[in-house]
Amino acid sequence: MFRTALLAFALIGTTLPVVAQDAPDFSGTYLGSGEGDLTLELNHIENDAYGISIETVVPMENDMPGCGGGIEGEVLLSETGGNFFVENEMYDPESDSPLDRHRYCEIGITFNEDGTVNLEERDGCLYYHGASCGFSGNLVHANAAG
């Protein structure tokens, strides 16, 4: 009888739902560099949705022109990252201009095990910054940057 009760309890225990772990909160400011000095702002909205803002700046130096730009919107993020897409307002598939040729600006976001974030500009973002800078680079949370 004791064995039957123990077996029944074990079977019930294996059919109970698994309690989900809280998803990490990536909110905050991240700073770094790559194709310019980069700032990434993430603000948790709900579930896996975040408000996102990315800025890049290359200062003017020795009569060389600087560069800057920014982009913002919403992105869905998992524990490993996500892909941020913004539709280009000037999209024209028949254009010869690199500013208009891509339908979306796409930026890959990867959260690394060491706590850093990697941004990879993939396509169509030239409209949002100048030719001498970009949104690719490595960043660290501002609280960890020291």
C-alpha atoms as a PDB file:
ATOM      1  CA  MET A   1       0.000   0.000   0.000  1.00  0.00           C
ATOM      2  CA  PHE A   2       2.822   2.400   0.910  1.00  0.00           C
ATOM      3  CA  ARG A   3       4.557   1.585  -2.380  1.00  0.00           C
ATOM      4  CA  THR A   4       1.377   2.278  -4.349  1.00  0.00           C
ATOM      5  CA  ALA A   5       0.909   5.640  -2.613  1.00  0.00           C
ATOM      6  CA  LEU A   6       4.573   6.534  -3.231  1.00  0.00           C
ATOM      7  CA  LEU A   7       4.295   5.570  -6.911  1.00  0.00           C
ATOM      8  CA  ALA A   8       1.083   7.590  -7.319  1.00  0.00           C
ATOM      9  CA  PHE A   9       2.720  10.621  -5.685  1.00  0.00           C
ATOM     10  CA  ALA A  10       5.769  10.288  -7.964  1.00  0.00           C
ATOM     11  CA  LEU A  11       3.575  10.111 -11.069  1.00  0.00           C
ATOM     12  CA  ILE A  12       1.547  13.155 -10.012  1.00  0.00           C
ATOM     13  CA  GLY A  13       4.749  15.084  -9.327  1.00  0.00           C
ATOM     14  CA  THR A  14       6.049  14.432 -12.830  1.00  0.00           C
ATOM     15  CA  THR A  15       2.870  15.714 -14.468  1.00  0.00           C
ATOM     16  CA  LEU A  16       2.767  19.052 -12.646  1.00  0.00           C
ATOM     17  CA  PRO A  17       3.731  22.084 -14.727  1.00  0.00           C
ATOM     18  CA  VAL A  18       7.307  23.248 -14.481  1.00  0.00           C
ATOM     19  CA  VAL A  19       7.599  26.696 -12.951  1.00  0.00           C
ATOM     20  CA  ALA A  20       9.217  28.981 -15.503  1.00  0.00           C
ATOM     21  CA  GLN A  21      12.277  30.915 -14.475  1.00  0.00           C
ATOM     22  CA  ASP A  22      12.027  34.656 -14.685  1.00  0.00           C
ATOM     23  CA  ALA A  23      13.405  35.918 -17.985  1.00  0.00           C
ATOM     24  CA  PRO A  24      16.412  38.195 -17.617  1.00  0.00           C
ATOM     25  CA  ASP A  25      15.760  41.935 -17.706  1.00  0.00           C
ATOM     26  CA  PHE A  26      18.122  43.599 -20.179  1.00  0.00           C
ATOM     27  CA  SER A  27      16.971  47.144 -19.352  1.00  0.00           C
ATOM     28  CA  GLY A  28      19.576  49.847 -19.038  1.00  0.00           C
ATOM     29  CA  THR A  29      22.254  51.793 -20.857  1.00  0.00           C
ATOM     30  CA  TYR A  30      25.088  50.008 -22.656  1.00  0.00           C
ATOM     31  CA  LEU A  31      28.223  51.821 -23.823  1.00  0.00           C
ATOM     32  CA  GLY A  32      30.941  50.785 -26.226  1.00  0.00           C
ATOM     33  CA  SER A  33      32.596  51.317 -29.540  1.00  0.00           C
ATOM     34  CA  GLY A  34      32.958  49.867 -32.972  1.00  0.00           C
ATOM     35  CA  GLU A  35      32.227  51.988 -36.000  1.00  0.00           C
ATOM     36  CA  GLY A  36      32.005  54.977 -33.658  1.00  0.00           C
ATOM     37  CA  ASP A  37      31.143  55.457 -29.988  1.00  0.00           C
ATOM     38  CA  LEU A  38      27.951  53.498 -29.385  1.00  0.00           C
ATOM     39  CA  THR A  39      25.122  53.886 -26.886  1.00  0.00           C
ATOM     40  CA  LEU A  40      22.350  51.304 -26.580  1.00  0.00           C
ATOM     41  CA  GLU A  41      19.278  51.978 -24.416  1.00  0.00           C
ATOM     42  CA  LEU A  42      16.892  49.125 -23.616  1.00  0.00           C
ATOM     43  CA  ASN A  43      13.649  49.670 -21.692  1.00  0.00           C
ATOM     44  CA  HIS A  44      11.501  46.682 -20.774  1.00  0.00           C
ATOM     45  CA  ILE A  45       7.913  47.052 -22.000  1.00  0.00           C
ATOM     46  CA  GLU A  46       6.402  43.631 -21.247  1.00  0.00           C
ATOM     47  CA  ASN A  47       7.249  39.956 -21.662  1.00  0.00           C
ATOM     48  CA  ASP A  48      10.095  39.879 -24.212  1.00  0.00           C
ATOM     49  CA  ALA A  49       9.345  43.315 -25.758  1.00  0.00           C
ATOM     50  CA  TYR A  50      11.765  46.209 -25.237  1.00  0.00           C
ATOM     51  CA  GLY A  51      11.979  49.799 -26.353  1.00  0.00           C
ATOM     52  CA  ILE A  52      15.350  50.266 -28.051  1.00  0.00           C
ATOM     53  CA  SER A  53      17.464  53.262 -28.990  1.00  0.00           C
ATOM     54  CA  ILE A  54      20.905  53.060 -30.618  1.00  0.00           C
ATOM     55  CA  GLU A  55      23.200  56.036 -31.209  1.00  0.00           C
ATOM     56  CA  THR A  56      26.589  56.232 -32.907  1.00  0.00           C
ATOM     57  CA  VAL A  57      29.063  59.133 -32.976  1.00  0.00           C
ATOM     58  CA  VAL A  58      32.464  59.604 -34.597  1.00  0.00           C
ATOM     59  CA  PRO A  59      33.831  63.005 -33.552  1.00  0.00           C
ATOM     60  CA  MET A  60      35.416  65.381 -36.040  1.00  0.00           C
ATOM     61  CA  GLU A  61      39.201  65.055 -35.895  1.00  0.00           C
ATOM     62  CA  ASN A  62      42.004  66.928 -37.706  1.00  0.00           C
ATOM     63  CA  ASP A  63      39.675  68.465 -40.294  1.00  0.00           C
ATOM     64  CA  MET A  64      38.156  65.042 -40.981  1.00  0.00           C
ATOM     65  CA  PRO A  65      34.364  65.174 -40.841  1.00  0.00           C
ATOM     66  CA  GLY A  66      32.626  63.413 -38.027  1.00  0.00           C
ATOM     67  CA  CYS A  67      29.609  61.196 -38.234  1.00  0.00           C
ATOM     68  CA  GLY A  68      26.573  60.448 -36.157  1.00  0.00           C
ATOM     69  CA  GLY A  69      23.159  58.955 -36.183  1.00  0.00           C
ATOM     70  CA  GLY A  70      20.521  57.098 -34.280  1.00  0.00           C
ATOM     71  CA  ILE A  71      17.602  54.730 -34.564  1.00  0.00           C
ATOM     72  CA  GLU A  72      14.819  53.644 -32.210  1.00  0.00           C
ATOM     73  CA  GLY A  73      11.820  51.386 -32.019  1.00  0.00           C
ATOM     74  CA  GLU A  74      10.779  48.121 -30.381  1.00  0.00           C
ATOM     75  CA  VAL A  75      12.504  44.750 -30.391  1.00  0.00           C
ATOM     76  CA  LEU A  76      11.736  41.242 -29.118  1.00  0.00           C
ATOM     77  CA  LEU A  77      14.639  39.784 -27.128  1.00  0.00           C
ATOM     78  CA  SER A  78      15.413  36.280 -25.903  1.00  0.00           C
ATOM     79  CA  GLU A  79      18.171  35.242 -23.495  1.00  0.00           C
ATOM     80  CA  THR A  80      20.624  35.201 -26.408  1.00  0.00           C
ATOM     81  CA  GLY A  81      19.475  38.365 -28.204  1.00  0.00           C
ATOM     82  CA  GLY A  82      17.329  39.220 -31.184  1.00  0.00           C
ATOM     83  CA  ASN A  83      17.039  41.116 -34.451  1.00  0.00           C
ATOM     84  CA  PHE A  84      15.964  44.742 -34.621  1.00  0.00           C
ATOM     85  CA  PHE A  85      14.205  45.853 -37.818  1.00  0.00           C
ATOM     86  CA  VAL A  86      13.101  49.352 -38.826  1.00  0.00           C
ATOM     87  CA  GLU A  87      11.428  49.982 -42.162  1.00  0.00           C
ATOM     88  CA  ASN A  88      13.221  52.546 -44.312  1.00  0.00           C
ATOM     89  CA  GLU A  89      10.904  55.418 -45.170  1.00  0.00           C
ATOM     90  CA  MET A  90      12.774  56.115 -48.410  1.00  0.00           C
ATOM     91  CA  TYR A  91      12.701  52.478 -49.641  1.00  0.00           C
ATOM     92  CA  ASP A  92      12.813  52.198 -53.427  1.00  0.00           C
ATOM     93  CA  PRO A  93      13.814  48.766 -54.800  1.00  0.00           C
ATOM     94  CA  GLU A  94      14.742  50.323 -58.141  1.00  0.00           C
ATOM     95  CA  SER A  95      17.005  53.011 -56.696  1.00  0.00           C
ATOM     96  CA  ASP A  96      20.732  53.096 -57.388  1.00  0.00           C
ATOM     97  CA  SER A  97      21.335  54.774 -54.026  1.00  0.00           C
ATOM     98  CA  PRO A  98      22.448  52.620 -51.070  1.00  0.00           C
ATOM     99  CA  LEU A  99      20.258  54.863 -48.894  1.00  0.00           C
ATOM    100  CA  ASP A 100      17.043  53.736 -50.589  1.00  0.00           C
ATOM    101  CA  ARG A 101      17.768  50.233 -51.821  1.00  0.00           C
ATOM    102  CA  HIS A 102      17.071  48.283 -48.609  1.00  0.00           C
ATOM    103  CA  ARG A 103      13.550  47.868 -47.267  1.00  0.00           C
ATOM    104  CA  TYR A 104      14.704  47.500 -43.651  1.00  0.00           C
ATOM    105  CA  CYS A 105      17.549  48.527 -41.429  1.00  0.00           C
ATOM    106  CA  GLU A 106      18.507  45.304 -39.623  1.00  0.00           C
ATOM    107  CA  ILE A 107      20.709  45.092 -36.536  1.00  0.00           C
ATOM    108  CA  GLY A 108      21.553  41.819 -34.811  1.00  0.00           C
ATOM    109  CA  ILE A 109      21.810  41.902 -31.010  1.00  0.00           C
ATOM    110  CA  THR A 110      23.731  39.181 -29.165  1.00  0.00           C
ATOM    111  CA  PHE A 111      24.010  38.880 -25.384  1.00  0.00           C
ATOM    112  CA  ASN A 112      27.305  37.193 -24.521  1.00  0.00           C
ATOM    113  CA  GLU A 113      28.022  35.009 -21.475  1.00  0.00           C
ATOM    114  CA  ASP A 114      30.504  37.587 -20.146  1.00  0.00           C
ATOM    115  CA  GLY A 115      27.726  40.194 -19.888  1.00  0.00           C
ATOM    116  CA  THR A 116      28.690  42.162 -22.993  1.00  0.00           C
ATOM    117  CA  VAL A 117      26.406  42.929 -25.926  1.00  0.00           C
ATOM    118  CA  ASN A 118      27.396  42.678 -29.568  1.00  0.00           C
ATOM    119  CA  LEU A 119      25.596  44.791 -32.167  1.00  0.00           C
ATOM    120  CA  GLU A 120      25.931  43.786 -35.814  1.00  0.00           C
ATOM    121  CA  GLU A 121      24.559  46.117 -38.454  1.00  0.00           C
ATOM    122  CA  ARG A 122      23.435  43.855 -41.264  1.00  0.00           C
ATOM    123  CA  ASP A 123      21.696  45.843 -44.007  1.00  0.00           C
ATOM    124  CA  GLY A 124      19.953  49.048 -44.877  1.00  0.00           C
ATOM    125  CA  CYS A 125      21.005  51.336 -42.021  1.00  0.00           C
ATOM    126  CA  LEU A 126      23.043  53.935 -43.913  1.00  0.00           C
ATOM    127  CA  TYR A 127      19.982  56.206 -43.980  1.00  0.00           C
ATOM    128  CA  TYR A 128      20.152  56.414 -40.155  1.00  0.00           C
ATOM    129  CA  HIS A 129      23.830  57.437 -39.888  1.00  0.00           C
ATOM    130  CA  GLY A 130      26.603  58.850 -42.042  1.00  0.00           C
ATOM    131  CA  ALA A 131      28.948  56.860 -44.248  1.00  0.00           C
ATOM    132  CA  SER A 132      31.862  56.918 -41.780  1.00  0.00           C
ATOM    133  CA  CYS A 133      30.104  55.334 -38.814  1.00  0.00           C
ATOM    134  CA  GLY A 134      27.710  52.534 -38.073  1.00  0.00           C
ATOM    135  CA  PHE A 135      25.828  50.582 -35.447  1.00  0.00           C
ATOM    136  CA  SER A 136      28.214  47.590 -35.170  1.00  0.00           C
ATOM    137  CA  GLY A 137      30.355  47.103 -32.073  1.00  0.00           C
ATOM    138  CA  ASN A 138      30.757  45.667 -28.592  1.00  0.00           C
ATOM    139  CA  LEU A 139      29.119  47.238 -25.552  1.00  0.00           C
ATOM    140  CA  VAL A 140      28.973  46.726 -21.809  1.00  0.00           C
ATOM    141  CA  HIS A 141      26.247  47.736 -19.343  1.00  0.00           C
ATOM    142  CA  ALA A 142      26.999  51.245 -18.010  1.00  0.00           C
ATOM    143  CA  ASN A 143      26.885  49.960 -14.407  1.00  0.00           C
ATOM    144  CA  ALA A 144      29.643  47.459 -15.225  1.00  0.00           C
ATOM    145  CA  ALA A 145      31.740  49.884 -17.298  1.00  0.00           C
ATOM    146  CA  GLY A 146      33.201  51.404 -14.149  1.00  0.00           C
END
